[in-house]
Amino acid sequence: MASNPRRGRRKTGPSIEDVARLAGVSAQTVSRVSTGADPVREETRARVLDAMDQLGYSPNRAARALRNGSFGTIGVVAHRFERTGEALTTEAVVEAAEAQDLSVTLLNVARPVESQWRDAVFRLSHQAIDALVIIRAEQVAPETLALPASLAVAVSDSRLIGHYPAVVSDQGQGTRDAMRHLLGLGHRTVHHLAGPADSEPALVRAATWRRSLEEQGLVVPALWQGDWTARSGYQLGQQLAREQSITAVYCANDEMAFGLIRALHEQGLRVPQDVSVLGFDDIALSGYSSPPLTTVKQDFHQIGHELVRLVLDQLRSRVSGRARVTVPTELIVRETTAPPGR
């Protein structure tokens, strides 16, 4: 009697049909949730993701890995890829991946809430990727992420630092250098235009600014909180310009610094003769603004390359554990800072 070639073949893992059966949906719906190509009702998507998690189902991972040994792809997830830090870090990740003959899959988190981060990370980690890079997941707690234990992961500035291998910019040293520069010019205090309260880098910069003034026994002015945009710098700058004591402002990023400079100019205040302005990031425009901006340079190129190195180390069995790489910053002195003039 002819033998059935399928008889006795051991099932290597749950199938798409198993997920569909548990979730009470069609296999086509499971495929749509896996790829994210077509919209699915929120309650249906939640059932499918829960079924995948219960069964340990990873779409196409087993078959492709057996065939090729790896997928040759790194996943990158972030909120607002167009924002300066995210864009420059992602550009460097893509460059470093291409140098290793790897491709990159990007997934944007539409709204920066924990459920959106959780779903995005889960969906991307269960697709055909070898490693996952998470950029500034500031609203997500590590205990809420369901990442496969075998997945190589690296994170940049976020609440996930300490739980996964991480790359961070030396925010504290950059701020100390900025404050030392401004106070060394003779300013008796420095106002701070901070980033949003849900940003870890912004919180570190604000805390270091405050500590730098307190250690010198200087007055700590009220903190002004923006949202990283030039518009917020401009709007807050209109109010800051009315402060008679203002002679120096440390801005948490360059874009807010540009907005502030415009507001000061419109109020008849000169930079740096009346007010010194110092930014953070050293984006390309900083050296070509009028006047050129004094700022703290973040090396986004190195940050992106280190993120790729960390996940490759894990893939090549050089275990990274909870490694933390700190990338140094550099103060770039240009023409928006000077001794107090009013």
Protein backbone atom coordinates (compact mmCIF):
# COMPACT_ATOMS: atom_id res chain seq x y z
CA MET A 1 0.00 0.00 0.00
CA ALA A 2 1.36 3.39 -0.99
CA SER A 3 2.43 5.45 1.92
CA ASN A 4 1.06 8.92 2.47
CA PRO A 5 4.04 11.35 2.43
CA ARG A 6 2.17 13.61 4.85
CA ARG A 7 1.53 10.83 7.35
CA GLY A 8 3.72 11.13 10.41
CA ARG A 9 5.03 14.58 9.43
CA ARG A 10 5.46 16.51 12.68
CA LYS A 11 3.82 19.89 12.87
CA THR A 12 6.47 22.50 13.54
CA GLY A 13 4.19 25.13 15.04
CA PRO A 14 0.73 26.71 15.03
CA SER A 15 -0.71 27.56 11.64
CA ILE A 16 -2.73 30.51 10.44
CA GLU A 17 -5.79 28.22 10.57
CA ASP A 18 -5.12 27.50 14.26
CA VAL A 19 -5.07 31.23 14.99
CA ALA A 20 -8.24 31.80 12.96
CA ARG A 21 -10.04 28.99 14.81
CA LEU A 22 -9.07 30.32 18.25
CA ALA A 23 -9.96 33.91 17.36
CA GLY A 24 -13.22 32.92 15.63
CA VAL A 25 -12.30 34.61 12.35
CA SER A 26 -11.21 33.61 8.85
CA ALA A 27 -7.60 32.88 7.88
CA GLN A 28 -7.80 35.87 5.54
CA THR A 29 -8.57 38.14 8.51
CA VAL A 30 -5.55 36.75 10.39
CA SER A 31 -3.39 37.52 7.35
CA ARG A 32 -4.74 41.09 7.18
CA VAL A 33 -3.93 41.65 10.86
CA SER A 34 -0.43 40.19 10.40
CA THR A 35 0.48 42.41 7.48
CA GLY A 36 -1.43 45.53 8.48
CA ALA A 37 -2.21 45.99 4.81
CA ASP A 38 -5.99 46.37 5.24
CA PRO A 39 -8.04 47.88 8.07
CA VAL A 40 -9.60 45.50 10.57
CA ARG A 41 -12.10 46.37 13.30
CA GLU A 42 -10.35 47.11 16.60
CA GLU A 43 -12.10 44.35 18.57
CA THR A 44 -11.37 41.80 15.83
CA ARG A 45 -7.72 42.82 15.64
CA ALA A 46 -7.42 42.51 19.43
CA ARG A 47 -8.85 38.95 19.33
CA VAL A 48 -6.45 37.92 16.57
CA LEU A 49 -3.41 39.40 18.36
CA ASP A 50 -4.45 37.66 21.58
CA ALA A 51 -4.80 34.32 19.74
CA MET A 52 -1.36 34.78 18.13
CA ASP A 53 0.13 35.47 21.54
CA GLN A 54 -1.55 32.44 23.16
CA LEU A 55 -0.40 30.09 20.42
CA GLY A 56 3.04 31.63 19.91
CA TYR A 57 2.27 32.15 16.24
CA SER A 58 4.73 34.16 14.13
CA PRO A 59 3.56 34.65 10.52
CA ASN A 60 5.90 32.92 8.08
CA ARG A 61 8.87 33.08 10.47
CA ALA A 62 9.52 29.34 10.69
CA ALA A 63 9.28 28.57 6.98
CA ARG A 64 11.39 31.53 5.87
CA ALA A 65 14.02 31.00 8.54
CA LEU A 66 14.39 27.32 7.62
CA ARG A 67 14.76 28.25 3.96
CA ASN A 68 17.16 31.19 4.28
CA GLY A 69 18.65 30.97 7.75
CA SER A 70 17.48 34.53 8.43
CA PHE A 71 15.14 37.13 7.00
CA GLY A 72 17.84 39.72 6.39
CA THR A 73 15.60 42.43 7.87
CA ILE A 74 15.66 44.74 10.89
CA GLY A 75 12.39 46.25 12.09
CA VAL A 76 12.31 49.85 13.31
CA VAL A 77 9.36 51.28 15.23
CA ALA A 78 8.94 54.91 16.29
CA HIS A 79 6.40 57.68 16.77
CA ARG A 80 6.68 60.45 14.16
CA PHE A 81 9.60 59.46 11.96
CA GLU A 82 9.64 63.00 10.56
CA ARG A 83 10.80 64.48 13.89
CA THR A 84 14.48 65.46 13.85
CA GLY A 85 15.92 62.91 16.26
CA GLU A 86 13.86 60.02 14.93
CA ALA A 87 14.57 60.91 11.30
CA LEU A 88 18.34 61.22 11.73
CA THR A 89 18.58 58.09 13.89
CA THR A 90 16.52 56.08 11.40
CA GLU A 91 18.65 57.32 8.52
CA ALA A 92 21.75 56.05 10.34
CA VAL A 93 20.09 52.70 11.15
CA VAL A 94 19.24 52.21 7.46
CA GLU A 95 22.80 53.13 6.45
CA ALA A 96 24.34 50.71 8.96
CA ALA A 97 21.92 47.94 7.98
CA GLU A 98 22.65 48.37 4.27
CA ALA A 99 26.37 48.10 5.00
CA GLN A 100 25.61 44.63 6.40
CA ASP A 101 23.40 43.75 3.39
CA LEU A 102 20.26 43.99 5.54
CA SER A 103 16.97 45.69 4.75
CA VAL A 104 14.84 47.75 7.16
CA THR A 105 11.08 47.63 7.78
CA LEU A 106 9.61 50.79 9.33
CA LEU A 107 6.42 50.95 11.38
CA ASN A 108 5.09 54.28 12.63
CA VAL A 109 3.05 54.60 15.83
CA ALA A 110 0.18 56.90 14.91
CA ARG A 111 -0.65 58.04 18.45
CA PRO A 112 1.89 57.98 21.31
CA VAL A 113 -0.25 55.99 23.75
CA GLU A 114 0.76 52.74 25.39
CA SER A 115 -1.77 50.56 23.55
CA GLN A 116 -0.56 51.83 20.17
CA TRP A 117 3.08 51.13 21.06
CA ARG A 118 2.18 47.67 22.36
CA ASP A 119 0.23 46.71 19.24
CA ALA A 120 2.84 48.13 16.84
CA VAL A 121 5.74 46.39 18.55
CA PHE A 122 3.81 43.12 18.75
CA ARG A 123 2.82 43.23 15.09
CA LEU A 124 6.30 44.10 13.84
CA SER A 125 8.08 41.60 16.11
CA HIS A 126 5.88 38.81 14.75
CA GLN A 127 6.63 39.58 11.13
CA ALA A 128 9.61 38.45 9.07
CA ILE A 129 12.36 40.33 10.90
CA ASP A 130 15.56 39.19 12.61
CA ALA A 131 15.84 42.10 15.03
CA LEU A 132 13.88 45.06 16.36
CA VAL A 133 15.03 48.64 17.02
CA ILE A 134 12.71 50.83 19.11
CA ILE A 135 13.26 54.59 18.95
CA ARG A 136 12.06 56.76 21.85
CA ALA A 137 9.14 54.69 23.11
CA GLU A 138 8.63 57.14 25.94
CA GLN A 139 5.02 56.23 26.75
CA VAL A 140 5.43 52.46 26.99
CA ALA A 141 6.39 50.42 30.05
CA PRO A 142 8.59 47.33 29.55
CA GLU A 143 6.17 45.00 31.33
CA THR A 144 3.44 45.73 28.75
CA LEU A 145 5.50 44.58 25.74
CA ALA A 146 5.10 40.97 24.59
CA LEU A 147 8.32 40.45 22.63
CA PRO A 148 9.51 36.98 21.58
CA ALA A 149 12.34 35.95 23.89
CA SER A 150 14.52 34.99 20.93
CA LEU A 151 14.19 38.36 19.17
CA ALA A 152 17.24 40.63 19.14
CA VAL A 153 16.18 44.06 20.47
CA ALA A 154 17.89 47.44 20.95
CA VAL A 155 16.33 50.70 22.11
CA SER A 156 17.29 54.38 22.12
CA ASP A 157 16.18 57.06 24.62
CA SER A 158 13.05 55.61 26.28
CA ARG A 159 11.64 54.00 29.41
CA LEU A 160 12.87 50.65 28.07
CA ILE A 161 16.50 51.47 28.94
CA GLY A 162 17.73 49.00 31.53
CA HIS A 163 15.43 46.27 30.23
CA TYR A 164 16.94 45.91 26.74
CA PRO A 165 20.34 46.79 25.24
CA ALA A 166 20.27 50.56 24.73
CA VAL A 167 22.04 53.47 23.09
CA VAL A 168 21.72 56.88 24.73
CA SER A 169 23.13 60.32 24.07
CA ASP A 170 24.91 61.92 27.04
CA GLN A 171 22.14 64.42 27.78
CA GLY A 172 23.56 65.35 31.17
CA GLN A 173 27.05 66.16 29.93
CA GLY A 174 25.66 68.14 27.00
CA THR A 175 23.54 70.26 29.33
CA ARG A 176 26.40 70.78 31.79
CA ASP A 177 28.62 71.98 28.93
CA ALA A 178 25.88 74.36 27.76
CA MET A 179 25.38 75.81 31.24
CA ARG A 180 29.10 76.11 31.89
CA HIS A 181 29.45 78.06 28.64
CA LEU A 182 26.60 80.50 29.38
CA LEU A 183 27.52 81.06 33.03
CA GLY A 184 31.17 81.42 32.04
CA LEU A 185 30.16 84.33 29.80
CA GLY A 186 28.89 86.13 32.90
CA HIS A 187 25.13 85.45 32.82
CA ARG A 188 23.73 85.45 36.36
CA THR A 189 21.01 82.94 35.50
CA VAL A 190 19.77 81.00 32.48
CA HIS A 191 16.15 80.47 31.45
CA HIS A 192 15.21 77.07 30.02
CA LEU A 193 12.87 76.31 27.14
CA ALA A 194 12.23 72.61 27.81
CA GLY A 195 10.87 69.74 25.76
CA PRO A 196 7.61 67.91 26.59
CA ALA A 197 7.08 66.35 30.01
CA ASP A 198 6.71 62.82 28.59
CA SER A 199 10.18 62.89 27.02
CA GLU A 200 13.02 61.24 28.94
CA PRO A 201 15.75 63.31 27.21
CA ALA A 202 13.80 66.51 27.93
CA LEU A 203 13.47 65.57 31.60
CA VAL A 204 17.21 64.86 31.92
CA ARG A 205 18.10 68.18 30.28
CA ALA A 206 15.68 70.12 32.52
CA ALA A 207 16.90 68.41 35.71
CA THR A 208 20.55 69.06 34.81
CA TRP A 209 19.79 72.71 33.97
CA ARG A 210 18.18 73.19 37.39
CA ARG A 211 20.98 71.42 39.22
CA SER A 212 23.64 73.49 37.43
CA LEU A 213 22.07 76.71 38.70
CA GLU A 214 21.47 75.40 42.23
CA GLU A 215 25.08 74.25 42.56
CA GLN A 216 26.20 77.81 41.79
CA GLY A 217 23.72 79.29 44.25
CA LEU A 218 21.93 81.10 41.40
CA VAL A 219 18.25 81.90 40.96
CA VAL A 220 16.34 79.15 39.13
CA PRO A 221 13.75 80.82 36.85
CA ALA A 222 10.40 79.26 36.02
CA LEU A 223 10.68 76.51 33.40
CA TRP A 224 9.04 77.10 30.03
CA GLN A 225 7.76 73.91 28.37
CA GLY A 226 7.52 73.49 24.61
CA ASP A 227 6.85 70.52 22.34
CA TRP A 228 10.06 70.38 20.25
CA THR A 229 8.56 72.49 17.42
CA ALA A 230 9.75 75.88 16.20
CA ARG A 231 6.16 77.08 16.64
CA SER A 232 6.21 76.37 20.39
CA GLY A 233 9.57 78.15 20.67
CA TYR A 234 8.10 81.16 18.88
CA GLN A 235 4.94 81.28 21.01
CA LEU A 236 6.80 80.91 24.30
CA GLY A 237 9.43 83.35 23.07
CA GLN A 238 6.78 86.06 22.77
CA GLN A 239 6.19 85.67 26.50
CA LEU A 240 9.86 85.27 27.42
CA ALA A 241 10.69 88.53 25.64
CA ARG A 242 8.63 90.37 28.26
CA GLU A 243 10.85 89.08 31.09
CA GLN A 244 13.10 91.99 31.99
CA SER A 245 15.68 89.71 33.65
CA ILE A 246 16.25 87.48 30.63
CA THR A 247 19.81 87.52 29.25
CA ALA A 248 20.30 83.85 28.28
CA VAL A 249 18.06 80.95 27.24
CA TYR A 250 19.05 77.30 26.98
CA CYS A 251 16.68 75.54 24.56
CA ALA A 252 16.11 71.78 24.64
CA ASN A 253 16.42 71.56 20.86
CA ASP A 254 17.47 73.68 17.89
CA GLU A 255 14.03 74.05 16.35
CA MET A 256 12.59 75.69 19.46
CA ALA A 257 15.68 77.90 19.54
CA PHE A 258 14.93 79.12 16.00
CA GLY A 259 11.34 79.96 16.98
CA LEU A 260 12.58 81.80 20.07
CA ILE A 261 15.09 83.87 18.08
CA ARG A 262 12.36 85.04 15.71
CA ALA A 263 10.11 86.04 18.64
CA LEU A 264 12.94 87.95 20.31
CA HIS A 265 13.72 89.74 17.04
CA GLU A 266 10.10 90.81 16.63
CA GLN A 267 10.16 92.23 20.16
CA GLY A 268 13.23 94.33 19.33
CA LEU A 269 15.74 92.15 21.18
CA ARG A 270 19.02 91.28 19.48
CA VAL A 271 20.72 87.88 19.63
CA PRO A 272 23.29 87.68 21.15
CA GLN A 273 23.76 91.36 22.12
CA ASP A 274 20.62 91.42 24.30
CA VAL A 275 19.84 87.72 24.77
CA SER A 276 22.08 84.69 24.27
CA VAL A 277 20.39 81.58 22.85
CA LEU A 278 21.81 78.06 22.96
CA GLY A 279 20.20 74.99 21.37
CA PHE A 280 20.59 71.21 21.40
CA ASP A 281 21.05 68.70 18.51
CA ASP A 282 23.15 70.65 15.95
CA ILE A 283 20.82 69.97 13.04
CA ALA A 284 22.07 70.92 9.57
CA LEU A 285 20.37 74.34 9.62
CA SER A 286 22.13 75.38 12.84
CA GLY A 287 25.34 76.38 11.10
CA TYR A 288 23.50 78.43 8.45
CA SER A 289 20.90 80.33 10.49
CA SER A 290 21.32 84.05 11.06
CA PRO A 291 23.19 84.31 13.32
CA PRO A 292 24.63 80.74 13.32
CA LEU A 293 23.36 78.88 16.38
CA THR A 294 25.50 77.85 19.35
CA THR A 295 24.31 74.36 20.22
CA VAL A 296 25.08 70.94 21.68
CA LYS A 297 25.76 68.36 18.99
CA GLN A 298 24.16 64.93 19.26
CA ASP A 299 25.80 62.27 17.11
CA PHE A 300 22.71 60.66 15.62
CA HIS A 301 24.91 58.89 13.07
CA GLN A 302 26.75 57.01 15.81
CA ILE A 303 23.54 56.33 17.72
CA GLY A 304 21.99 54.60 14.70
CA HIS A 305 25.12 52.59 13.97
CA GLU A 306 25.43 51.48 17.61
CA LEU A 307 21.78 50.32 17.63
CA VAL A 308 22.48 48.09 14.63
CA ARG A 309 25.70 46.81 16.21
CA LEU A 310 23.84 45.83 19.39
CA VAL A 311 21.25 43.73 17.56
CA LEU A 312 23.89 42.15 15.31
CA ASP A 313 25.91 41.19 18.40
CA GLN A 314 22.83 39.37 19.71
CA LEU A 315 22.20 37.64 16.38
CA ARG A 316 25.83 36.51 16.24
CA SER A 317 25.59 35.09 19.78
CA ARG A 318 27.76 37.79 21.33
CA VAL A 319 25.16 38.30 24.03
CA SER A 320 24.57 41.98 24.82
CA GLY A 321 22.43 41.41 27.92
CA ARG A 322 21.34 44.85 29.11
CA ALA A 323 24.29 46.66 27.58
CA ARG A 324 24.11 50.44 27.56
CA VAL A 325 26.15 52.52 25.13
CA THR A 326 26.50 56.24 25.93
CA VAL A 327 27.32 58.45 22.96
CA PRO A 328 29.15 61.68 23.91
CA THR A 329 27.88 65.13 22.95
CA GLU A 330 29.89 68.17 21.87
CA LEU A 331 29.34 71.88 22.49
CA ILE A 332 29.50 73.82 19.20
CA VAL A 333 30.09 77.53 19.89
CA ARG A 334 28.90 79.85 17.12
CA GLU A 335 27.40 83.34 17.18
CA THR A 336 24.19 83.29 19.28
CA THR A 337 25.95 83.48 22.65
CA ALA A 338 27.90 86.37 24.18
CA PRO A 339 28.41 88.13 27.55
CA PRO A 340 25.25 89.82 28.89
CA GLY A 341 24.65 93.16 27.27
CA ARG A 342 21.59 94.58 29.00
